[in-house]
Protein backbone atom coordinates (compact mmCIF):
# COMPACT_ATOMS: atom_id res chain seq x y z
CA MET A 1 -7.42 9.31 -8.71
CA ASP A 2 -4.87 10.29 -5.98
CA SER A 3 -3.93 13.65 -4.03
CA LEU A 4 -0.37 14.27 -2.90
CA VAL A 5 0.04 17.21 -0.55
CA GLU A 6 3.57 18.69 0.39
CA GLY A 7 4.37 17.99 3.68
CA ARG A 8 1.87 15.46 4.35
CA HIS A 9 2.61 12.93 1.51
CA PHE A 10 6.17 13.90 0.63
CA PRO A 11 8.59 16.35 1.97
CA SER A 12 9.26 19.44 0.60
CA GLU A 13 13.04 18.36 -0.09
CA ALA A 14 11.70 15.39 -2.39
CA PRO A 15 13.00 15.60 -5.97
CA PRO A 16 10.39 16.27 -8.20
CA ARG A 17 11.11 13.41 -10.64
CA LEU A 18 10.42 11.22 -7.64
CA VAL A 19 7.12 12.68 -6.40
CA GLY A 20 5.78 12.51 -10.45
CA ARG A 21 7.05 8.83 -10.32
CA TYR A 22 5.19 8.39 -7.14
CA ALA A 23 2.16 10.11 -8.12
CA ALA A 24 1.56 8.06 -11.38
CA GLU A 25 2.33 4.62 -9.57
CA ALA A 26 -0.15 5.72 -6.92
CA SER A 27 -2.67 6.00 -9.32
CA LEU A 28 -2.07 3.00 -11.61
CA SER A 29 -1.94 0.92 -8.24
CA ASP A 30 -5.65 1.62 -7.96
CA LEU A 31 -6.21 0.35 -11.55
CA ALA A 32 -3.90 -2.50 -11.22
CA CYS A 33 -5.79 -4.15 -8.12
CA LYS A 34 -8.70 -4.11 -10.52
CA GLY A 35 -7.09 -6.08 -13.22
CA ALA A 36 -7.03 -3.09 -15.50
CA ARG A 37 -4.20 -1.95 -18.34
CA PRO A 38 -3.12 1.44 -17.75
CA VAL A 39 -3.39 3.67 -20.79
CA GLY A 40 -3.09 7.29 -19.44
CA LEU A 41 -2.75 9.78 -16.61
CA LEU A 42 -4.23 13.40 -16.37
CA LEU A 43 -1.90 15.15 -13.79
CA SER A 44 -3.02 18.42 -12.02
CA LEU A 45 -0.27 20.49 -10.63
CA VAL A 46 -0.94 23.49 -7.79
CA LEU A 47 2.71 24.96 -7.71
CA SER A 48 4.32 27.47 -5.45
CA PRO A 49 7.03 30.47 -6.48
CA PRO A 50 9.68 31.01 -7.12
CA THR A 51 10.69 27.49 -8.41
CA ALA A 52 7.29 26.77 -9.95
CA VAL A 53 8.29 25.96 -13.54
CA ALA A 54 11.40 23.84 -13.10
CA TRP A 55 9.90 21.82 -10.06
CA GLY A 56 6.43 21.15 -11.90
CA LYS A 57 8.63 20.01 -15.28
CA GLY A 58 10.65 17.61 -13.08
CA VAL A 59 7.46 16.11 -11.79
CA VAL A 60 5.96 15.82 -15.18
CA GLN A 61 9.43 13.99 -16.19
CA GLY A 62 9.06 11.35 -13.28
CA ALA A 63 5.36 10.78 -14.03
CA ARG A 64 6.49 10.19 -17.83
CA ALA A 65 9.21 7.92 -16.86
CA SER A 66 6.77 5.73 -15.00
CA LEU A 67 4.21 5.72 -17.38
CA ARG A 68 6.36 4.31 -20.05
CA ARG A 69 7.30 1.59 -18.00
CA HIS A 70 3.41 0.43 -18.34
CA GLY A 71 3.02 1.56 -22.00
CA ALA A 72 0.76 4.60 -20.81
CA TRP A 73 0.94 8.06 -21.83
CA LEU A 74 0.44 11.21 -19.90
CA VAL A 75 -2.43 12.69 -21.79
CA GLY A 76 -3.48 16.00 -20.00
CA GLY A 77 -3.91 18.21 -16.91
CA ASP A 78 -4.11 21.40 -15.38
CA THR A 79 -1.55 23.68 -13.78
CA LYS A 80 -2.44 26.46 -11.11
CA ALA A 81 -0.55 28.59 -8.65
CA GLY A 82 -0.95 28.29 -4.84
CA PRO A 83 0.75 28.79 -1.36
CA GLY A 84 2.15 25.25 -1.31
CA ARG A 85 2.40 22.33 -3.63
CA THR A 86 0.11 19.69 -4.57
CA VAL A 87 -0.05 16.90 -7.35
CA VAL A 88 -3.42 15.10 -8.49
CA SER A 89 -3.02 12.18 -10.59
CA LEU A 90 -5.95 10.76 -12.50
CA GLY A 91 -5.04 7.12 -13.98
CA LEU A 92 -6.95 5.75 -16.83
CA GLY A 93 -7.45 2.29 -17.74
CA TYR A 94 -9.50 -0.26 -19.10
CA ALA A 95 -10.40 -4.15 -18.34
CA PRO A 96 -13.03 -6.76 -19.24
CA ARG A 97 -16.31 -5.57 -17.87
CA ARG A 98 -17.00 -9.19 -16.30
CA ARG A 99 -13.59 -9.89 -14.77
CA VAL A 100 -13.30 -6.41 -12.45
CA PRO A 101 -13.52 -7.80 -8.91
CA PRO A 102 -14.98 -5.29 -6.50
CA ARG A 103 -13.93 -4.74 -2.88
CA SER A 104 -17.63 -5.88 -1.69
CA GLY A 105 -17.29 -9.65 -3.19
CA ALA A 106 -15.35 -11.45 -0.59
CA ARG A 107 -17.05 -14.53 0.99
CA PRO A 108 -16.95 -16.87 3.90
CA GLY A 109 -14.22 -19.47 3.07
CA ASP A 110 -11.97 -17.12 0.63
CA ILE A 111 -8.31 -17.22 1.16
CA LEU A 112 -6.83 -13.80 2.08
CA ALA A 113 -3.67 -13.48 -0.11
CA THR A 114 -1.59 -10.45 -0.52
CA THR A 115 0.97 -9.88 -3.60
CA GLY A 116 4.82 -8.94 -2.65
CA THR A 117 5.52 -8.11 0.92
CA VAL A 118 4.36 -6.49 3.85
CA GLY A 119 5.49 -3.30 5.82
CA ARG A 120 7.93 -1.86 2.75
CA GLY A 121 6.26 1.35 3.16
CA SER A 122 6.33 1.69 6.70
CA ALA A 123 9.73 0.73 7.29
CA ALA A 124 10.72 3.53 4.47
CA TRP A 125 8.89 5.76 6.19
CA ILE A 126 10.52 4.74 9.78
CA THR A 127 13.75 4.68 8.28
CA TYR A 128 13.38 8.06 6.90
CA SER A 129 11.73 9.92 9.86
CA HIS A 130 14.20 8.63 12.34
CA GLY A 131 17.23 9.08 10.28
CA LEU A 132 18.58 5.54 9.85
CA ARG A 133 19.90 5.86 6.87
CA SER A 134 21.38 8.44 4.36
CA ARG A 135 18.59 10.50 3.95
CA TRP A 136 18.49 10.80 0.37
CA GLU A 137 18.53 6.95 0.20
CA ALA A 138 15.90 6.69 2.60
CA LEU A 139 13.68 9.27 0.54
CA GLU A 140 14.16 7.28 -2.63
CA ARG A 141 12.99 3.94 -1.07
CA LEU A 142 9.69 5.82 0.49
CA LEU A 143 8.89 7.24 -2.57
CA SER A 144 9.43 4.45 -4.94
CA VAL A 145 6.41 2.35 -5.33
CA ARG A 146 5.42 -0.13 -7.80
CA ALA A 147 1.90 -0.56 -9.52
CA ARG A 148 1.27 -4.31 -9.51
CA VAL A 149 -0.36 -3.72 -12.85
CA ARG A 150 0.72 -7.27 -14.20
CA GLU A 151 0.09 -9.33 -11.11
CA GLY A 152 -3.45 -7.66 -11.17
CA GLU A 153 -4.39 -8.92 -14.79
CA ALA A 154 -3.33 -12.30 -13.67
CA LEU A 155 -5.60 -12.17 -10.42
CA ALA A 156 -8.72 -10.34 -11.69
CA PRO A 157 -10.40 -13.29 -13.16
CA LEU A 158 -9.89 -15.73 -9.90
CA CYS A 159 -10.85 -13.58 -7.33
CA HIS A 160 -14.12 -12.36 -5.52
CA ALA A 161 -12.59 -9.26 -3.99
CA THR A 162 -9.50 -7.27 -4.36
CA LEU A 163 -7.86 -3.68 -3.27
CA ASP A 164 -4.77 -2.26 -3.05
CA THR A 165 -2.89 -1.95 0.10
CA SER A 166 -1.66 1.53 0.17
CA ASP A 167 -3.01 2.62 3.57
CA GLY A 168 -1.41 -0.24 5.22
CA LEU A 169 -2.33 -4.38 5.13
CA LEU A 170 -4.79 -4.11 8.08
CA ALA A 171 -6.70 -1.18 6.99
CA ALA A 172 -7.34 -2.62 3.35
CA ALA A 173 -8.40 -5.94 5.19
CA ARG A 174 -10.59 -4.06 7.35
CA LEU A 175 -12.36 -2.16 4.22
CA LEU A 176 -12.73 -5.40 2.37
CA ALA A 177 -14.63 -6.99 5.50
CA GLU A 178 -16.68 -4.11 6.10
CA ALA A 179 -17.68 -3.54 2.25
CA SER A 180 -18.48 -7.42 2.09
CA GLY A 181 -20.04 -7.96 4.92
CA CYS A 182 -17.90 -10.41 6.54
CA SER A 183 -15.24 -10.65 8.88
CA VAL A 184 -11.66 -11.57 8.56
CA GLU A 185 -8.64 -13.03 9.98
CA ILE A 186 -5.28 -12.43 9.21
CA TRP A 187 -2.44 -14.89 10.41
CA GLU A 188 0.45 -12.74 11.53
CA ALA A 189 2.95 -15.70 11.33
CA SER A 190 2.10 -16.06 7.81
CA LEU A 191 2.89 -12.46 6.50
CA PRO A 192 5.53 -12.13 4.26
CA TYR A 193 7.60 -9.44 6.16
CA ASP A 194 9.32 -6.98 3.89
CA PRO A 195 13.35 -7.20 4.86
CA GLY A 196 13.74 -3.57 6.05
CA VAL A 197 10.73 -4.41 8.56
CA ARG A 198 12.61 -7.59 9.65
CA HIS A 199 15.97 -5.60 9.98
CA LEU A 200 14.00 -2.80 12.23
CA ALA A 201 12.72 -5.46 14.57
CA ARG A 202 16.19 -6.88 14.98
CA ARG A 203 17.75 -3.30 15.57
CA THR A 204 14.77 -1.96 18.06
CA GLY A 205 13.96 -5.55 19.77
CA ARG A 206 10.17 -4.72 18.90
CA PRO A 207 8.33 -7.57 17.00
CA PRO A 208 7.59 -6.94 13.14
CA ALA A 209 3.69 -6.61 14.01
CA ASP A 210 4.87 -3.30 15.71
CA LEU A 211 6.47 -2.06 12.58
CA ALA A 212 4.46 -3.28 9.57
CA PHE A 213 1.12 -1.67 8.92
CA PHE A 214 1.53 2.11 8.46
CA GLY A 215 0.83 2.33 4.80
CA GLY A 216 2.73 2.79 1.60
CA ASP A 217 2.89 -0.57 0.63
CA TYR A 218 0.93 -0.43 -2.82
CA GLU A 219 0.38 -4.38 -2.96
CA ILE A 220 -3.01 -6.17 -3.91
CA LEU A 221 -4.82 -7.83 -1.17
CA ALA A 222 -7.16 -10.44 -2.65
CA ALA A 223 -9.97 -12.66 -1.26
CA ILE A 224 -9.70 -15.86 -3.45
CA PRO A 225 -11.80 -18.85 -3.63
CA ALA A 226 -10.01 -21.84 -1.88
CA THR A 227 -10.53 -24.07 -5.22
CA ASN A 228 -8.69 -20.92 -7.04
CA PHE A 229 -5.63 -20.23 -4.91
CA GLN A 230 -3.15 -22.55 -6.65
CA ARG A 231 -4.18 -21.27 -10.00
CA ALA A 232 -3.86 -17.88 -9.02
CA GLN A 233 -0.72 -18.28 -6.89
CA ALA A 234 0.63 -19.96 -10.56
CA ALA A 235 -0.85 -17.12 -12.55
CA VAL A 236 1.21 -14.84 -10.59
CA ARG A 237 4.43 -16.52 -10.52
CA ARG A 238 4.21 -16.52 -14.07
CA VAL A 239 4.25 -12.64 -14.66
CA GLY A 240 7.09 -12.76 -12.05
CA GLY A 241 5.46 -11.60 -8.60
CA THR A 242 4.62 -13.67 -5.76
CA LEU A 243 1.43 -14.22 -3.59
CA SER A 244 1.03 -15.20 -0.18
CA PRO A 245 -1.68 -16.66 1.81
CA ILE A 246 -2.32 -14.72 5.05
CA GLY A 247 -5.64 -15.25 6.34
CA ARG A 248 -9.40 -16.01 5.30
CA VAL A 249 -12.80 -14.66 5.33
CA THR A 250 -14.94 -15.61 7.89
CA SER A 251 -18.87 -15.31 8.31
CA ARG A 252 -19.23 -14.41 12.10
CA GLY A 253 -17.73 -12.33 14.91
CA PRO A 254 -14.98 -9.63 14.90
CA SER A 255 -12.18 -9.09 12.49
CA VAL A 256 -9.05 -10.45 14.31
CA LEU A 257 -5.04 -10.80 14.09
CA MET A 258 -4.02 -13.92 15.26
CA ALA A 259 -0.59 -14.41 16.58
CA GLY A 260 0.00 -17.95 17.38
CA GLU A 261 -3.36 -19.03 19.69
CA VAL A 262 -3.86 -15.51 20.59
CA ARG A 263 -6.82 -13.43 18.81
CA THR A 264 -7.12 -9.87 19.19
CA PRO A 265 -9.45 -7.40 17.27
CA LEU A 266 -8.05 -6.17 14.09
CA PRO A 267 -6.15 -3.20 15.11
CA ASP A 268 -7.30 0.21 13.87
CA VAL A 269 -3.96 1.14 12.31
CA GLY A 270 -2.78 2.64 8.98
CA TRP A 271 -2.72 5.60 7.01
CA ASP A 272 -5.73 8.32 7.57
CA SER A 273 -5.25 11.57 5.55
CA PHE A 274 -7.78 12.77 8.52
CA ARG A 275 -5.58 12.33 11.70
CA PRO A 276 -2.30 13.27 12.55
CA PRO A 277 0.61 10.60 11.64
CA GLN A 278 1.23 8.37 14.19
CA GLU A 279 4.28 8.59 15.74
CA LEU A 280 6.86 5.95 16.60
CA ASP A 281 9.57 5.81 19.15
CA ILE A 282 11.31 2.74 17.53
CA LEU A 283 14.68 3.79 19.18
CA ARG A 284 13.20 3.00 22.48
CA LYS A 285 12.34 -0.86 23.28
CA PRO A 286 8.94 -1.31 24.67
CA ALA A 287 8.45 -1.62 28.45
CA ARG A 288 7.61 -5.39 29.52
CA PRO A 289 3.94 -5.47 30.37
CA ARG A 290 2.73 -6.03 34.03
CA GLY A 291 -0.05 -7.86 35.14
CA ARG A 292 -2.49 -8.70 32.59
CA ARG A 293 -1.04 -9.77 29.34
CA LYS A 294 -1.32 -6.62 26.65
CA ASP A 295 -2.08 -8.02 23.17
CA ASN A 296 0.83 -7.33 20.45
CA ASN A 297 -1.55 -5.64 17.95
CA GLY A 298 0.73 -3.54 15.92
CA ARG A 299 -0.36 -0.18 17.66
CA PRO A 300 2.64 2.61 18.07
């Protein structure tokens, strides 16, 4: 289940079809990371006059278009009037009982891997919020996410633990480690940064790690036994996806981000609905540190 609130998760100017598509894919992403095949979606709308009917219809059309791509159906929901717009989506799916990996199953020695790229959502948000591209083009990219359903089905029987990276890769890694009672080590040099992140890094003079972890990726983070990794990578490749090793699960010490030989505690960065959005003036290059070397930990 996901709740999207106007002004917090999507801007007021967002076309309703884009919002509906976003809502559907966000819920299906949680099914995907458990290897589940989606079959349906419930959609509840809080709508504000005077455009409530037209806007609501647009959301439904966008959600249905997304569901058709996955062979699923819009099966019901609810509509209410309110002072602002909110979209609540509940995805329904099924998976073999013994092949649903929890987030709590990671074990020391597992390889950490992600589907797709890292930082697509961050790059889209920065580009949109700073007006670095056509507003509508940036908005389209910001709200156009794709649930990794086929990749999730391929990965599920080969993994110890999975979850999606909707709140950012580092936030997902931190949750996986905490739930599993382990630590994680993320290799910054191995991260498959999204082309948008690399473009912003060149434009702003900031390292990609400063720009990539604010959330909105909707990829799958998996803890995979080392003996299964090549099979997992081949399975994802067969369904048209990519799977990149980005770290490992460890048994002791704090979770860390490794940049070369520099180890820093895994930074507390990512999307959090209960704190203000993180601001980042990417148009200004950071000042050179003086004295003691500061770690490059992705904080804004």
